[in-house]
Amino acid sequence: MRTTRKGSGPLYKQIADYIRQKVDDGEWSVGYQVPPEIRLCEQFNVSRITVVKALERLVEEGLLVREQGKGTFVALPELSTESVELLSFTEEIKKKGKIPSSLVLSKSWTKPTIGIQQRLKLERNERVLAIRRLMMADDLPIGIQTSYLPEKHFPDLMNFVTDNVSLYSVLREQYGTIITQAIETYRAVQLDDEEMELLEMEHTRTGFNVERLSFVGDIPVEFVRSIMRADQTYYSVKLVRKGF
């Protein structure tokens, strides 16, 4: 399998997506050794610097881990904690006294990877709506958000997803669905050129990779991957010692 050079984004991102799908699909389990850089260069017909950039991105995301003198391996999942307060992007931006808006970059019904199927507890033939949006506050780009929502829960959802519309409001008003809890993980990442351009970043490449799995009761109904600007995004967690 080789990457295509048209219409699929930067080459290093195509390689990263290929590796991520291998892990999501369970073909490469925890501890699996990723093929050496030279083999990946030959497989994808790219330079070593492109392969290194792909691997570094996945290491930053916590998907892979490097061991000096041994190689690169699929990492153990990191520990995560539940959010203290569950807010949609729109609610969070309004809480900060700013005006939220969004631009739909793409949306399509698609068959998810096995990893997303498992997270959302879907059968093999079930589809999800994949929505990629540019999220803004006071017209300043804040993040690039990709959401995956099961068709069986939200038929015809594509018709309601437009620019400047709160997804959680659509779920509530059109489907009577209110997200009651979610689990999020956060990791620092280096933004690529496309992300830098979309987010209008000039002075730093640092960003956050945020993953959210959302539930109604104990039923998972949404999985989201977001790339957020580090200079406009921060997270606070209240810590309390039990027993006092």
Protein backbone atom coordinates (compact mmCIF):
# COMPACT_ATOMS: atom_id res chain seq x y z
CA MET A 1 0.00 0.00 0.00
CA ARG A 2 1.32 3.43 -0.95
CA THR A 3 -0.05 6.86 -0.27
CA THR A 4 -1.60 8.94 -2.99
CA ARG A 5 -0.19 12.37 -3.65
CA LYS A 6 -3.41 14.14 -4.64
CA GLY A 7 -6.45 14.97 -2.58
CA SER A 8 -5.40 13.14 0.57
CA GLY A 9 -3.46 15.79 2.47
CA PRO A 10 0.25 15.98 3.33
CA LEU A 11 2.21 12.77 2.73
CA TYR A 12 3.33 12.49 6.35
CA LYS A 13 -0.29 12.75 7.49
CA GLN A 14 -1.31 9.99 5.07
CA ILE A 15 1.35 7.74 6.61
CA ALA A 16 0.25 8.69 10.13
CA ASP A 17 -3.38 7.91 9.23
CA TYR A 18 -2.31 4.54 7.80
CA ILE A 19 -0.49 3.62 11.02
CA ARG A 20 -3.33 4.95 13.18
CA GLN A 21 -5.82 2.80 11.29
CA LYS A 22 -3.62 -0.29 11.75
CA VAL A 23 -3.78 0.33 15.51
CA ASP A 24 -7.49 1.23 15.53
CA ASP A 25 -8.33 -1.91 13.54
CA GLY A 26 -6.41 -4.08 15.98
CA GLU A 27 -3.86 -5.30 13.42
CA TRP A 28 -1.10 -3.64 15.43
CA SER A 29 -1.73 -4.25 19.12
CA VAL A 30 0.02 -2.81 22.17
CA GLY A 31 3.74 -3.61 22.02
CA TYR A 32 3.75 -4.21 18.26
CA GLN A 33 6.97 -2.95 16.67
CA VAL A 34 6.37 -0.49 13.85
CA PRO A 35 8.38 -1.33 10.68
CA PRO A 36 11.79 0.42 10.54
CA GLU A 37 11.91 3.87 8.96
CA ILE A 38 13.77 2.60 5.89
CA ARG A 39 11.02 0.04 5.20
CA LEU A 40 8.32 2.69 5.55
CA CYS A 41 10.28 4.93 3.16
CA GLU A 42 10.33 2.12 0.60
CA GLN A 43 6.69 1.19 1.16
CA PHE A 44 5.40 4.73 0.68
CA ASN A 45 8.10 5.94 -1.70
CA VAL A 46 8.90 9.00 0.43
CA SER A 47 11.94 10.53 2.10
CA ARG A 48 13.08 9.62 5.60
CA ILE A 49 12.18 13.08 6.90
CA THR A 50 8.53 12.48 5.88
CA VAL A 51 8.41 9.15 7.72
CA VAL A 52 10.09 10.63 10.80
CA LYS A 53 7.55 13.47 10.87
CA ALA A 54 4.67 10.96 10.74
CA LEU A 55 6.13 8.89 13.57
CA GLU A 56 6.87 11.95 15.68
CA ARG A 57 3.26 13.11 15.33
CA LEU A 58 1.96 9.73 16.56
CA VAL A 59 4.46 9.73 19.44
CA GLU A 60 3.16 13.17 20.44
CA GLU A 61 -0.39 11.83 20.33
CA GLY A 62 0.62 8.99 22.63
CA LEU A 63 -0.21 6.28 20.08
CA LEU A 64 3.42 5.22 19.65
CA VAL A 65 6.46 5.17 21.91
CA ARG A 66 10.15 5.20 20.96
CA GLU A 67 12.68 3.02 22.79
CA GLN A 68 16.29 4.07 22.30
CA GLY A 69 18.23 1.48 20.32
CA LYS A 70 15.20 -0.79 19.92
CA GLY A 71 12.64 0.95 17.70
CA THR A 72 9.13 2.36 17.75
CA PHE A 73 6.23 0.47 19.32
CA VAL A 74 2.47 0.77 19.80
CA ALA A 75 2.07 2.37 23.23
CA LEU A 76 -0.09 1.39 26.17
CA PRO A 77 -3.22 3.57 26.40
CA GLU A 78 -2.68 6.49 28.74
CA LEU A 79 -4.81 7.04 31.81
CA SER A 80 -7.54 9.64 31.38
CA THR A 81 -10.04 11.35 33.67
CA GLU A 82 -13.64 12.36 33.16
CA SER A 83 -14.38 16.03 32.47
CA VAL A 84 -15.43 18.03 35.50
CA GLU A 85 -17.99 20.04 33.52
CA LEU A 86 -19.41 18.86 30.21
CA LEU A 87 -19.80 21.72 27.72
CA SER A 88 -20.22 21.87 23.97
CA PHE A 89 -17.84 24.11 22.02
CA THR A 90 -20.61 26.69 21.68
CA GLU A 91 -21.35 26.65 25.41
CA GLU A 92 -17.67 26.85 26.31
CA ILE A 93 -16.99 29.84 24.04
CA LYS A 94 -20.12 31.69 25.23
CA LYS A 95 -19.04 31.08 28.82
CA LYS A 96 -15.81 32.92 27.99
CA GLY A 97 -17.81 35.89 26.75
CA LYS A 98 -17.07 35.34 23.06
CA ILE A 99 -19.21 34.64 19.99
CA PRO A 100 -18.89 31.05 18.68
CA SER A 101 -19.09 30.16 15.00
CA SER A 102 -18.12 27.25 12.76
CA LEU A 103 -17.36 26.42 9.14
CA VAL A 104 -18.11 22.96 7.75
CA LEU A 105 -14.99 21.74 5.90
CA SER A 106 -16.46 18.35 4.93
CA LYS A 107 -19.24 15.93 5.85
CA SER A 108 -20.01 12.43 4.59
CA TRP A 109 -21.57 9.13 5.58
CA THR A 110 -18.76 6.60 5.87
CA LYS A 111 -17.77 3.25 7.30
CA PRO A 112 -15.65 3.96 10.39
CA THR A 113 -12.38 2.28 11.31
CA ILE A 114 -12.63 -0.69 13.65
CA GLY A 115 -11.28 1.49 16.45
CA ILE A 116 -14.15 3.95 16.10
CA GLN A 117 -16.63 1.08 15.66
CA GLN A 118 -15.48 -0.32 18.98
CA ARG A 119 -15.64 3.02 20.75
CA LEU A 120 -19.18 3.62 19.50
CA LYS A 121 -20.20 -0.05 19.88
CA LEU A 122 -21.26 -0.41 16.25
CA GLU A 123 -21.73 -3.45 14.06
CA ARG A 124 -19.35 -3.92 11.12
CA ASN A 125 -21.81 -2.69 8.47
CA GLU A 126 -23.03 0.40 10.36
CA ARG A 127 -22.10 3.88 9.12
CA VAL A 128 -21.23 7.13 10.83
CA LEU A 129 -21.49 10.74 9.74
CA ALA A 130 -17.97 12.19 9.68
CA ILE A 131 -18.08 15.98 10.09
CA ARG A 132 -14.91 18.10 9.87
CA ARG A 133 -15.37 21.70 11.01
CA LEU A 134 -13.29 24.79 11.68
CA MET A 135 -14.34 26.14 15.08
CA MET A 136 -14.04 29.88 15.80
CA ALA A 137 -14.45 32.39 18.64
CA ASP A 138 -15.04 36.02 17.69
CA ASP A 139 -14.12 34.94 14.12
CA LEU A 140 -10.69 33.72 15.31
CA PRO A 141 -10.03 30.04 14.39
CA ILE A 142 -9.64 28.01 17.58
CA GLY A 143 -9.73 24.38 16.48
CA ILE A 144 -10.26 21.81 13.75
CA GLN A 145 -12.86 19.31 14.94
CA THR A 146 -13.79 15.95 13.36
CA SER A 147 -16.91 14.32 14.79
CA TYR A 148 -18.22 10.79 14.17
CA LEU A 149 -21.89 10.07 14.92
CA PRO A 150 -23.75 6.78 14.26
CA GLU A 151 -26.35 6.80 11.50
CA LYS A 152 -28.61 4.48 13.52
CA HIS A 153 -28.96 7.14 16.22
CA PHE A 154 -29.05 10.19 13.96
CA PRO A 155 -30.56 9.45 10.51
CA ASP A 156 -30.60 12.45 8.15
CA LEU A 157 -28.19 14.31 10.45
CA MET A 158 -26.23 15.58 7.45
CA ASN A 159 -29.20 17.75 6.47
CA PHE A 160 -29.00 19.67 9.76
CA VAL A 161 -25.23 20.20 9.95
CA THR A 162 -24.42 23.58 8.43
CA ASP A 163 -22.10 26.49 9.15
CA ASN A 164 -22.56 28.27 12.49
CA VAL A 165 -24.83 25.60 13.93
CA SER A 166 -24.23 24.00 17.33
CA LEU A 167 -24.10 20.23 16.86
CA TYR A 168 -25.31 19.58 20.40
CA SER A 169 -28.29 21.89 19.78
CA VAL A 170 -29.14 19.90 16.65
CA LEU A 171 -28.97 16.63 18.58
CA ARG A 172 -31.23 18.05 21.29
CA GLU A 173 -33.77 19.76 19.03
CA GLN A 174 -33.99 17.23 16.17
CA TYR A 175 -33.40 13.94 18.02
CA GLY A 176 -34.20 14.68 21.65
CA THR A 177 -30.64 13.67 22.53
CA ILE A 178 -28.75 15.33 25.38
CA ILE A 179 -25.12 14.33 25.94
CA THR A 180 -24.89 13.46 29.65
CA GLN A 181 -21.23 12.53 30.07
CA ALA A 182 -17.98 12.28 28.17
CA ILE A 183 -14.39 11.15 28.58
CA GLU A 184 -11.64 13.35 27.14
CA THR A 185 -7.89 12.93 26.68
CA TYR A 186 -5.45 15.74 25.93
CA ARG A 187 -2.00 15.63 24.38
CA ALA A 188 0.36 18.30 23.06
CA VAL A 189 1.14 18.06 19.32
CA GLN A 190 3.00 19.98 16.64
CA LEU A 191 0.69 21.46 14.01
CA ASP A 192 1.30 20.69 10.34
CA ASP A 193 1.22 23.25 7.52
CA GLU A 194 -2.47 22.70 6.71
CA GLU A 195 -3.46 23.05 10.36
CA MET A 196 -1.29 26.15 10.72
CA GLU A 197 -3.04 27.71 7.72
CA LEU A 198 -6.57 26.83 8.85
CA LEU A 199 -5.89 28.05 12.39
CA GLU A 200 -4.06 31.15 11.13
CA MET A 201 -1.01 30.36 13.25
CA GLU A 202 2.23 32.20 12.54
CA HIS A 203 4.51 32.12 15.57
CA THR A 204 4.12 28.66 17.10
CA ARG A 205 3.32 25.14 15.93
CA THR A 206 2.20 23.90 19.33
CA GLY A 207 -1.36 22.66 19.70
CA PHE A 208 -3.57 20.26 21.62
CA ASN A 209 -4.89 16.95 20.32
CA VAL A 210 -8.20 16.37 22.14
CA GLU A 211 -10.29 13.20 21.89
CA ARG A 212 -13.80 13.01 23.32
CA LEU A 213 -16.11 10.00 23.61
CA SER A 214 -19.61 11.20 24.50
CA PHE A 215 -22.46 9.23 26.07
CA VAL A 216 -26.18 9.31 26.68
CA GLY A 217 -26.38 7.29 29.85
CA ASP A 218 -24.01 4.41 29.13
CA ILE A 219 -24.55 4.48 25.34
CA PRO A 220 -21.70 6.05 23.31
CA VAL A 221 -23.15 8.37 20.65
CA GLU A 222 -20.25 10.54 19.48
CA PHE A 223 -16.48 10.32 19.03
CA VAL A 224 -14.53 13.52 18.33
CA ARG A 225 -10.91 14.27 17.45
CA SER A 226 -9.92 17.95 17.67
CA ILE A 227 -6.76 19.92 16.99
CA MET A 228 -6.83 23.07 19.12
CA ARG A 229 -4.67 26.20 19.23
CA ALA A 230 -2.51 26.15 22.36
CA ASP A 231 -2.34 29.94 22.54
CA GLN A 232 -6.13 30.23 22.78
CA THR A 233 -6.99 27.04 24.68
CA TYR A 234 -6.47 26.05 28.29
CA TYR A 235 -7.97 23.45 30.61
CA SER A 236 -8.53 23.70 34.36
CA VAL A 237 -9.36 20.75 36.62
CA LYS A 238 -10.57 21.02 40.20
CA LEU A 239 -8.80 18.47 42.44
CA VAL A 240 -10.27 17.42 45.79
CA ARG A 241 -8.69 15.08 48.36
CA LYS A 242 -11.27 12.52 49.44
CA GLY A 243 -11.96 11.94 53.13
CA PHE A 244 -11.52 15.56 54.24
